[in-house]
Amino acid sequence: MTILDKNHPGFADKDYITRRNTIAHIAQQYSFPNVVPDVPYTQQEHQLWNDIRIAIHPIHLLNAHSSYLSCLDTANLPLNHIPQLSEINRRLNNITGYQLTPVEGLIDARTFMAALAQRRMLCAQYIRHYSVPHYTPEPDVVHELIGHAIPFFSKEYCDFNDLFGKAAINASDEQMISIERLYWYTIEFGLIKENNSIKAYGAGLLSSIGELSSITDVPNLPFNIIDIINTPYDTQSMQPALFCANSYNQMIDETSEWLNKIS
């Protein structure tokens, strides 16, 4: 059963909660490695996806890191309808071998990351509330597909995710807190300097019209692993500050070195 925070835009919307429960049931019935069953999305849901895709595309071209932009054409996600996970999995399997596996809702970080070590991402299939298309306080199908699935067409991005999964499997509870924060400030909300401009790398930014369009307005802190793992985060609000790496290689190399010490 879907339980939303009282500050969630869909908290008092009974129809939205019922719809979320219907989609969650599909995930509950799924068993890996079977083909993911299709979700019968409504026209309203397809239209919301279309509106978000159209609105966010020019912001991607302006503010997304080149590693993301290089995957856009390869991924070639449709504009006019929400693609099914089975459809994306077929294409991912031929290119990087990664797979999207449906889950009914939020899960704990260790379970989520352990799946990454198997080259699988546990993936929500419901869509954000219609009243707030520019932002979602939790992962939804827009976040999963636009934020994560597109860069999963890059082998380097897949390998980077694998490192988090392998570290999570071996981590103590205390280390797991540090891994969560490092994941949050890199793969979810990472910034990278590129050609003297600040660009978005993290999936949370790349799938949020509101946050992606304002990355230069948010205080940017120097990329430092120790500072990152000592910085808590709040999933229910836009980020008050973000860490910005001086280069793509700095973020990948320093993060990988730290994760490898655990895994």
C-alpha atoms as a PDB file:
ATOM      1  CA  MET A   1       0.000   0.000   0.000  1.00  0.00           C
ATOM      2  CA  THR A   2       1.322   3.445  -0.942  1.00  0.00           C
ATOM      3  CA  ILE A   3       1.959   5.729   2.037  1.00  0.00           C
ATOM      4  CA  LEU A   4       3.011   9.258   1.164  1.00  0.00           C
ATOM      5  CA  ASP A   5       4.591  11.916   3.354  1.00  0.00           C
ATOM      6  CA  LYS A   6       2.122  14.641   4.320  1.00  0.00           C
ATOM      7  CA  ASN A   7       4.203  17.130   2.323  1.00  0.00           C
ATOM      8  CA  HIS A   8       4.031  15.006  -0.836  1.00  0.00           C
ATOM      9  CA  PRO A   9       1.958  16.765  -3.558  1.00  0.00           C
ATOM     10  CA  GLY A  10      -0.161  13.609  -3.967  1.00  0.00           C
ATOM     11  CA  PHE A  11      -0.803  13.077  -0.237  1.00  0.00           C
ATOM     12  CA  ALA A  12      -4.496  14.021  -0.359  1.00  0.00           C
ATOM     13  CA  ASP A  13      -5.159  12.785  -3.900  1.00  0.00           C
ATOM     14  CA  LYS A  14      -6.971   9.467  -3.469  1.00  0.00           C
ATOM     15  CA  ASP A  15      -7.074   8.765  -7.204  1.00  0.00           C
ATOM     16  CA  TYR A  16      -3.309   9.243  -7.453  1.00  0.00           C
ATOM     17  CA  ILE A  17      -2.671   6.920  -4.509  1.00  0.00           C
ATOM     18  CA  THR A  18      -4.966   4.280  -6.002  1.00  0.00           C
ATOM     19  CA  ARG A  19      -3.095   4.533  -9.282  1.00  0.00           C
ATOM     20  CA  ARG A  20       0.228   4.185  -7.469  1.00  0.00           C
ATOM     21  CA  ASN A  21      -1.032   1.041  -5.747  1.00  0.00           C
ATOM     22  CA  THR A  22      -2.110  -0.459  -9.077  1.00  0.00           C
ATOM     23  CA  ILE A  23       1.328   0.080 -10.584  1.00  0.00           C
ATOM     24  CA  ALA A  24       3.044  -1.145  -7.403  1.00  0.00           C
ATOM     25  CA  HIS A  25       1.076  -4.395  -7.654  1.00  0.00           C
ATOM     26  CA  ILE A  26       2.643  -5.091 -11.057  1.00  0.00           C
ATOM     27  CA  ALA A  27       6.100  -4.782  -9.495  1.00  0.00           C
ATOM     28  CA  GLN A  28       5.105  -6.998  -6.558  1.00  0.00           C
ATOM     29  CA  GLN A  29       4.173  -9.799  -8.963  1.00  0.00           C
ATOM     30  CA  TYR A  30       7.424  -9.559 -10.916  1.00  0.00           C
ATOM     31  CA  SER A  31      10.229 -12.093 -10.544  1.00  0.00           C
ATOM     32  CA  PHE A  32      13.691 -11.555 -12.039  1.00  0.00           C
ATOM     33  CA  PRO A  33      14.883 -12.532 -14.662  1.00  0.00           C
ATOM     34  CA  ASN A  34      11.492 -12.751 -16.342  1.00  0.00           C
ATOM     35  CA  VAL A  35      10.504 -10.115 -18.899  1.00  0.00           C
ATOM     36  CA  VAL A  36       9.098  -7.090 -17.081  1.00  0.00           C
ATOM     37  CA  PRO A  37       5.323  -6.887 -17.651  1.00  0.00           C
ATOM     38  CA  ASP A  38       3.989  -3.721 -19.255  1.00  0.00           C
ATOM     39  CA  VAL A  39       2.271  -1.024 -17.212  1.00  0.00           C
ATOM     40  CA  PRO A  40      -1.008   0.158 -18.802  1.00  0.00           C
ATOM     41  CA  TYR A  41      -0.234   3.858 -18.506  1.00  0.00           C
ATOM     42  CA  THR A  42      -3.106   6.287 -18.931  1.00  0.00           C
ATOM     43  CA  GLN A  43      -3.248   9.051 -21.517  1.00  0.00           C
ATOM     44  CA  GLN A  44      -2.836  11.588 -18.719  1.00  0.00           C
ATOM     45  CA  GLU A  45       0.368   9.853 -17.609  1.00  0.00           C
ATOM     46  CA  HIS A  46       1.707   9.725 -21.156  1.00  0.00           C
ATOM     47  CA  GLN A  47       0.882  13.415 -21.573  1.00  0.00           C
ATOM     48  CA  LEU A  48       2.736  14.324 -18.375  1.00  0.00           C
ATOM     49  CA  TRP A  49       5.781  12.416 -19.636  1.00  0.00           C
ATOM     50  CA  ASN A  50       5.548  14.222 -22.976  1.00  0.00           C
ATOM     51  CA  ASP A  51       5.271  17.643 -21.332  1.00  0.00           C
ATOM     52  CA  ILE A  52       8.297  16.966 -19.120  1.00  0.00           C
ATOM     53  CA  ARG A  53      10.413  15.640 -21.998  1.00  0.00           C
ATOM     54  CA  ILE A  54       9.677  18.661 -24.160  1.00  0.00           C
ATOM     55  CA  ALA A  55      10.352  21.110 -21.328  1.00  0.00           C
ATOM     56  CA  ILE A  56      13.577  19.519 -20.100  1.00  0.00           C
ATOM     57  CA  HIS A  57      15.294  18.829 -23.434  1.00  0.00           C
ATOM     58  CA  PRO A  58      16.587  22.380 -24.061  1.00  0.00           C
ATOM     59  CA  ILE A  59      17.783  22.545 -20.443  1.00  0.00           C
ATOM     60  CA  HIS A  60      19.713  19.296 -20.999  1.00  0.00           C
ATOM     61  CA  LEU A  61      21.427  20.828 -23.996  1.00  0.00           C
ATOM     62  CA  LEU A  62      22.387  23.830 -21.875  1.00  0.00           C
ATOM     63  CA  ASN A  63      23.251  22.294 -18.493  1.00  0.00           C
ATOM     64  CA  ALA A  64      23.897  18.538 -18.849  1.00  0.00           C
ATOM     65  CA  HIS A  65      27.428  17.132 -18.879  1.00  0.00           C
ATOM     66  CA  SER A  66      28.690  15.856 -22.238  1.00  0.00           C
ATOM     67  CA  SER A  67      28.832  12.271 -20.928  1.00  0.00           C
ATOM     68  CA  TYR A  68      25.025  12.416 -20.612  1.00  0.00           C
ATOM     69  CA  LEU A  69      24.421  14.223 -23.886  1.00  0.00           C
ATOM     70  CA  SER A  70      26.448  11.591 -25.746  1.00  0.00           C
ATOM     71  CA  CYS A  71      23.925   8.949 -24.627  1.00  0.00           C
ATOM     72  CA  LEU A  72      20.765  10.826 -25.604  1.00  0.00           C
ATOM     73  CA  ASP A  73      20.700   9.716 -29.236  1.00  0.00           C
ATOM     74  CA  THR A  74      21.667   6.147 -28.365  1.00  0.00           C
ATOM     75  CA  ALA A  75      18.909   5.847 -25.785  1.00  0.00           C
ATOM     76  CA  ASN A  76      16.376   7.537 -28.096  1.00  0.00           C
ATOM     77  CA  LEU A  77      13.558   7.458 -25.562  1.00  0.00           C
ATOM     78  CA  PRO A  78      10.156   8.256 -27.110  1.00  0.00           C
ATOM     79  CA  LEU A  79       8.590  11.653 -26.534  1.00  0.00           C
ATOM     80  CA  ASN A  80       4.904  10.860 -26.846  1.00  0.00           C
ATOM     81  CA  HIS A  81       4.627   7.887 -24.473  1.00  0.00           C
ATOM     82  CA  ILE A  82       6.292   6.413 -21.408  1.00  0.00           C
ATOM     83  CA  PRO A  83       8.497   3.553 -22.607  1.00  0.00           C
ATOM     84  CA  GLN A  84       8.116   0.168 -20.943  1.00  0.00           C
ATOM     85  CA  LEU A  85      11.027  -1.247 -18.945  1.00  0.00           C
ATOM     86  CA  SER A  86      11.000  -4.351 -21.149  1.00  0.00           C
ATOM     87  CA  GLU A  87      11.511  -2.169 -24.204  1.00  0.00           C
ATOM     88  CA  ILE A  88      14.505  -0.386 -22.670  1.00  0.00           C
ATOM     89  CA  ASN A  89      15.962  -3.606 -21.272  1.00  0.00           C
ATOM     90  CA  ARG A  90      16.099  -5.202 -24.707  1.00  0.00           C
ATOM     91  CA  ARG A  91      18.175  -2.327 -26.001  1.00  0.00           C
ATOM     92  CA  LEU A  92      20.354  -2.013 -22.910  1.00  0.00           C
ATOM     93  CA  ASN A  93      21.104  -5.729 -22.997  1.00  0.00           C
ATOM     94  CA  ASN A  94      22.591  -5.390 -26.468  1.00  0.00           C
ATOM     95  CA  ILE A  95      24.760  -2.389 -25.563  1.00  0.00           C
ATOM     96  CA  THR A  96      25.860  -2.519 -21.909  1.00  0.00           C
ATOM     97  CA  GLY A  97      24.067  -5.498 -20.385  1.00  0.00           C
ATOM     98  CA  TYR A  98      22.393  -3.416 -17.679  1.00  0.00           C
ATOM     99  CA  GLN A  99      18.776  -4.179 -16.778  1.00  0.00           C
ATOM    100  CA  LEU A 100      15.962  -2.242 -15.079  1.00  0.00           C
ATOM    101  CA  THR A 101      13.988  -4.259 -12.511  1.00  0.00           C
ATOM    102  CA  PRO A 102      10.651  -2.930 -11.209  1.00  0.00           C
ATOM    103  CA  VAL A 103      10.060  -2.242  -7.513  1.00  0.00           C
ATOM    104  CA  GLU A 104       6.850  -1.144  -5.829  1.00  0.00           C
ATOM    105  CA  GLY A 105       8.313   1.882  -4.034  1.00  0.00           C
ATOM    106  CA  LEU A 106      11.170   3.118  -1.895  1.00  0.00           C
ATOM    107  CA  ILE A 107      13.640   0.484  -0.654  1.00  0.00           C
ATOM    108  CA  ASP A 108      16.640   0.582   1.644  1.00  0.00           C
ATOM    109  CA  ALA A 109      19.966   1.731   0.231  1.00  0.00           C
ATOM    110  CA  ARG A 110      21.846  -1.539   0.731  1.00  0.00           C
ATOM    111  CA  THR A 111      19.233  -3.562  -1.173  1.00  0.00           C
ATOM    112  CA  PHE A 112      19.161  -0.991  -3.960  1.00  0.00           C
ATOM    113  CA  MET A 113      22.924  -0.852  -4.337  1.00  0.00           C
ATOM    114  CA  ALA A 114      23.468  -4.599  -4.024  1.00  0.00           C
ATOM    115  CA  ALA A 115      21.413  -4.971  -7.203  1.00  0.00           C
ATOM    116  CA  LEU A 116      23.823  -2.601  -8.961  1.00  0.00           C
ATOM    117  CA  ALA A 117      26.577  -5.158  -8.383  1.00  0.00           C
ATOM    118  CA  GLN A 118      24.468  -7.539 -10.496  1.00  0.00           C
ATOM    119  CA  ARG A 119      24.175  -4.864 -13.200  1.00  0.00           C
ATOM    120  CA  ARG A 120      20.535  -4.252 -12.335  1.00  0.00           C
ATOM    121  CA  MET A 121      18.837  -1.068 -11.178  1.00  0.00           C
ATOM    122  CA  LEU A 122      15.694  -1.381  -9.090  1.00  0.00           C
ATOM    123  CA  CYS A 123      13.282   0.963 -10.766  1.00  0.00           C
ATOM    124  CA  ALA A 124       9.991   2.691  -9.900  1.00  0.00           C
ATOM    125  CA  GLN A 125       7.318   2.702 -12.618  1.00  0.00           C
ATOM    126  CA  TYR A 126       4.778   5.236 -11.308  1.00  0.00           C
ATOM    127  CA  ILE A 127       4.970   8.867 -12.401  1.00  0.00           C
ATOM    128  CA  ARG A 128       5.164  11.999 -10.262  1.00  0.00           C
ATOM    129  CA  HIS A 129       2.076  13.974  -9.312  1.00  0.00           C
ATOM    130  CA  TYR A 130       0.652  16.098 -12.121  1.00  0.00           C
ATOM    131  CA  SER A 131       0.627  19.261 -10.005  1.00  0.00           C
ATOM    132  CA  VAL A 132       4.436  19.385  -9.728  1.00  0.00           C
ATOM    133  CA  PRO A 133       5.918  18.254 -13.062  1.00  0.00           C
ATOM    134  CA  HIS A 134       9.201  20.081 -12.468  1.00  0.00           C
ATOM    135  CA  TYR A 135      10.163  18.164  -9.305  1.00  0.00           C
ATOM    136  CA  THR A 136       9.594  14.925  -7.390  1.00  0.00           C
ATOM    137  CA  PRO A 137      10.541  14.208  -3.753  1.00  0.00           C
ATOM    138  CA  GLU A 138      11.092  10.516  -4.570  1.00  0.00           C
ATOM    139  CA  PRO A 139      12.194   8.425  -7.563  1.00  0.00           C
ATOM    140  CA  ASP A 140       9.526   8.048 -10.249  1.00  0.00           C
ATOM    141  CA  VAL A 141       9.592   6.727 -13.815  1.00  0.00           C
ATOM    142  CA  VAL A 142      10.755  10.108 -15.114  1.00  0.00           C
ATOM    143  CA  HIS A 143      13.695  10.098 -12.718  1.00  0.00           C
ATOM    144  CA  GLU A 144      14.550   6.465 -13.420  1.00  0.00           C
ATOM    145  CA  LEU A 145      14.435   6.678 -17.208  1.00  0.00           C
ATOM    146  CA  ILE A 146      15.554  10.226 -17.965  1.00  0.00           C
ATOM    147  CA  GLY A 147      18.009  10.427 -15.077  1.00  0.00           C
ATOM    148  CA  HIS A 148      19.451   6.883 -14.998  1.00  0.00           C
ATOM    149  CA  ALA A 149      18.424   4.793 -18.011  1.00  0.00           C
ATOM    150  CA  ILE A 150      19.832   7.226 -20.578  1.00  0.00           C
ATOM    151  CA  PRO A 151      23.390   7.174 -19.135  1.00  0.00           C
ATOM    152  CA  PHE A 152      23.129   3.394 -18.626  1.00  0.00           C
ATOM    153  CA  PHE A 153      23.785   3.271 -22.371  1.00  0.00           C
ATOM    154  CA  SER A 154      27.367   4.207 -21.427  1.00  0.00           C
ATOM    155  CA  LYS A 155      29.627   1.373 -20.264  1.00  0.00           C
ATOM    156  CA  GLU A 156      31.642   3.749 -18.076  1.00  0.00           C
ATOM    157  CA  TYR A 157      28.511   4.890 -16.249  1.00  0.00           C
ATOM    158  CA  CYS A 158      27.487   1.264 -15.720  1.00  0.00           C
ATOM    159  CA  ASP A 159      30.912   0.351 -14.355  1.00  0.00           C
ATOM    160  CA  PHE A 160      30.779   3.345 -12.007  1.00  0.00           C
ATOM    161  CA  ASN A 161      27.434   2.157 -10.621  1.00  0.00           C
ATOM    162  CA  ASP A 162      28.833  -1.353 -10.197  1.00  0.00           C
ATOM    163  CA  LEU A 163      31.467  -0.015  -7.808  1.00  0.00           C
ATOM    164  CA  PHE A 164      28.798   1.327  -5.477  1.00  0.00           C
ATOM    165  CA  GLY A 165      27.047  -2.041  -5.534  1.00  0.00           C
ATOM    166  CA  LYS A 166      30.186  -4.011  -4.731  1.00  0.00           C
ATOM    167  CA  ALA A 167      31.077  -1.636  -1.893  1.00  0.00           C
ATOM    168  CA  ALA A 168      27.564  -1.844  -0.409  1.00  0.00           C
ATOM    169  CA  ILE A 169      27.674  -5.641  -0.258  1.00  0.00           C
ATOM    170  CA  ASN A 170      30.770  -5.574   1.960  1.00  0.00           C
ATOM    171  CA  ALA A 171      30.115  -2.388   3.934  1.00  0.00           C
ATOM    172  CA  SER A 172      29.404  -2.129   7.634  1.00  0.00           C
ATOM    173  CA  ASP A 173      26.342  -0.146   8.691  1.00  0.00           C
ATOM    174  CA  GLU A 174      28.550   2.869   9.425  1.00  0.00           C
ATOM    175  CA  GLN A 175      30.289   2.594   6.057  1.00  0.00           C
ATOM    176  CA  MET A 176      26.901   2.267   4.369  1.00  0.00           C
ATOM    177  CA  ILE A 177      25.950   5.756   5.534  1.00  0.00           C
ATOM    178  CA  SER A 178      29.085   7.127   3.866  1.00  0.00           C
ATOM    179  CA  ILE A 179      28.392   5.182   0.659  1.00  0.00           C
ATOM    180  CA  GLU A 180      24.828   6.525   0.521  1.00  0.00           C
ATOM    181  CA  ARG A 181      26.074  10.101   0.812  1.00  0.00           C
ATOM    182  CA  LEU A 182      28.748   9.568  -1.806  1.00  0.00           C
ATOM    183  CA  TYR A 183      26.170   8.070  -4.183  1.00  0.00           C
ATOM    184  CA  TRP A 184      23.819  10.970  -3.496  1.00  0.00           C
ATOM    185  CA  TYR A 185      26.367  13.676  -4.251  1.00  0.00           C
ATOM    186  CA  THR A 186      27.758  11.970  -7.372  1.00  0.00           C
ATOM    187  CA  ILE A 187      25.357   9.697  -9.248  1.00  0.00           C
ATOM    188  CA  GLU A 188      22.237  11.458  -7.974  1.00  0.00           C
ATOM    189  CA  PHE A 189      23.297  15.105  -7.616  1.00  0.00           C
ATOM    190  CA  GLY A 190      26.824  15.380  -8.987  1.00  0.00           C
ATOM    191  CA  LEU A 191      28.107  18.510 -10.699  1.00  0.00           C
ATOM    192  CA  ILE A 192      31.192  18.697 -12.920  1.00  0.00           C
ATOM    193  CA  LYS A 193      33.075  21.657 -14.378  1.00  0.00           C
ATOM    194  CA  GLU A 194      33.368  21.409 -18.141  1.00  0.00           C
ATOM    195  CA  ASN A 195      34.760  24.092 -20.455  1.00  0.00           C
ATOM    196  CA  ASN A 196      34.623  26.620 -17.602  1.00  0.00           C
ATOM    197  CA  SER A 197      30.919  25.932 -17.020  1.00  0.00           C
ATOM    198  CA  ILE A 198      29.092  23.951 -14.344  1.00  0.00           C
ATOM    199  CA  LYS A 199      27.314  20.913 -15.765  1.00  0.00           C
ATOM    200  CA  ALA A 200      24.940  18.367 -14.240  1.00  0.00           C
ATOM    201  CA  TYR A 201      25.956  14.720 -14.017  1.00  0.00           C
ATOM    202  CA  GLY A 202      23.571  13.399 -11.349  1.00  0.00           C
ATOM    203  CA  ALA A 203      20.301  11.694 -12.235  1.00  0.00           C
ATOM    204  CA  GLY A 204      18.326  13.708  -9.696  1.00  0.00           C
ATOM    205  CA  LEU A 205      19.318  16.904 -11.464  1.00  0.00           C
ATOM    206  CA  LEU A 206      18.950  15.533 -14.983  1.00  0.00           C
ATOM    207  CA  SER A 207      15.342  14.489 -14.327  1.00  0.00           C
ATOM    208  CA  SER A 208      14.203  17.651 -12.521  1.00  0.00           C
ATOM    209  CA  ILE A 209      13.295  20.703 -14.582  1.00  0.00           C
ATOM    210  CA  GLY A 210      13.409  22.926 -11.508  1.00  0.00           C
ATOM    211  CA  GLU A 211      16.771  21.776 -10.189  1.00  0.00           C
ATOM    212  CA  LEU A 212      18.506  21.342 -13.554  1.00  0.00           C
ATOM    213  CA  SER A 213      17.606  24.865 -14.640  1.00  0.00           C
ATOM    214  CA  SER A 214      19.031  26.389 -11.447  1.00  0.00           C
ATOM    215  CA  ILE A 215      22.316  24.521 -10.919  1.00  0.00           C
ATOM    216  CA  THR A 216      24.330  27.737 -11.105  1.00  0.00           C
ATOM    217  CA  ASP A 217      22.157  29.309  -8.395  1.00  0.00           C
ATOM    218  CA  VAL A 218      22.866  26.583  -5.830  1.00  0.00           C
ATOM    219  CA  PRO A 219      26.035  26.989  -3.712  1.00  0.00           C
ATOM    220  CA  ASN A 220      28.715  24.721  -5.193  1.00  0.00           C
ATOM    221  CA  LEU A 221      31.218  23.143  -2.813  1.00  0.00           C
ATOM    222  CA  PRO A 222      34.623  21.777  -3.890  1.00  0.00           C
ATOM    223  CA  PHE A 223      34.573  18.037  -4.570  1.00  0.00           C
ATOM    224  CA  ASN A 224      36.125  16.373  -1.524  1.00  0.00           C
ATOM    225  CA  ILE A 225      35.331  12.799  -0.482  1.00  0.00           C
ATOM    226  CA  ILE A 226      35.747  13.443   3.253  1.00  0.00           C
ATOM    227  CA  ASP A 227      33.444  16.463   3.131  1.00  0.00           C
ATOM    228  CA  ILE A 228      30.893  14.532   1.085  1.00  0.00           C
ATOM    229  CA  ILE A 229      30.664  11.511   3.389  1.00  0.00           C
ATOM    230  CA  ASN A 230      30.215  13.853   6.345  1.00  0.00           C
ATOM    231  CA  THR A 231      27.377  15.804   4.709  1.00  0.00           C
ATOM    232  CA  PRO A 232      23.803  14.548   5.353  1.00  0.00           C
ATOM    233  CA  TYR A 233      21.079  15.107   2.762  1.00  0.00           C
ATOM    234  CA  ASP A 234      17.313  15.536   2.688  1.00  0.00           C
ATOM    235  CA  THR A 235      15.358  13.627   0.053  1.00  0.00           C
ATOM    236  CA  GLN A 236      12.195  15.671   0.583  1.00  0.00           C
ATOM    237  CA  SER A 237      13.431  19.052  -0.598  1.00  0.00           C
ATOM    238  CA  MET A 238      15.594  20.645  -3.269  1.00  0.00           C
ATOM    239  CA  GLN A 239      19.287  20.556  -2.457  1.00  0.00           C
ATOM    240  CA  PRO A 240      20.660  23.582  -0.537  1.00  0.00           C
ATOM    241  CA  ALA A 241      24.241  22.928  -1.754  1.00  0.00           C
ATOM    242  CA  LEU A 242      26.013  20.560  -4.156  1.00  0.00           C
ATOM    243  CA  PHE A 243      29.551  19.291  -4.665  1.00  0.00           C
ATOM    244  CA  CYS A 244      31.222  20.146  -7.959  1.00  0.00           C
ATOM    245  CA  ALA A 245      34.205  18.196  -9.317  1.00  0.00           C
ATOM    246  CA  ASN A 246      36.854  20.027 -11.332  1.00  0.00           C
ATOM    247  CA  SER A 247      36.614  17.351 -14.023  1.00  0.00           C
ATOM    248  CA  TYR A 248      34.842  14.143 -14.966  1.00  0.00           C
ATOM    249  CA  ASN A 249      38.030  12.193 -14.287  1.00  0.00           C
ATOM    250  CA  GLN A 250      38.404  13.664 -10.811  1.00  0.00           C
ATOM    251  CA  MET A 251      34.939  12.538  -9.774  1.00  0.00           C
ATOM    252  CA  ILE A 252      35.310   9.059 -11.273  1.00  0.00           C
ATOM    253  CA  ASP A 253      38.890   8.434 -10.098  1.00  0.00           C
ATOM    254  CA  GLU A 254      38.595   9.717  -6.523  1.00  0.00           C
ATOM    255  CA  THR A 255      35.211   8.099  -5.931  1.00  0.00           C
ATOM    256  CA  SER A 256      36.379   4.786  -7.427  1.00  0.00           C
ATOM    257  CA  GLU A 257      39.524   4.780  -5.275  1.00  0.00           C
ATOM    258  CA  TRP A 258      37.485   5.305  -2.104  1.00  0.00           C
ATOM    259  CA  LEU A 259      34.880   2.656  -3.009  1.00  0.00           C
ATOM    260  CA  ASN A 260      37.520   0.090  -3.947  1.00  0.00           C
ATOM    261  CA  LYS A 261      38.978   0.286  -0.452  1.00  0.00           C
ATOM    262  CA  ILE A 262      35.671  -1.033   0.889  1.00  0.00           C
ATOM    263  CA  SER A 263      34.799  -3.553  -1.812  1.00  0.00           C
END
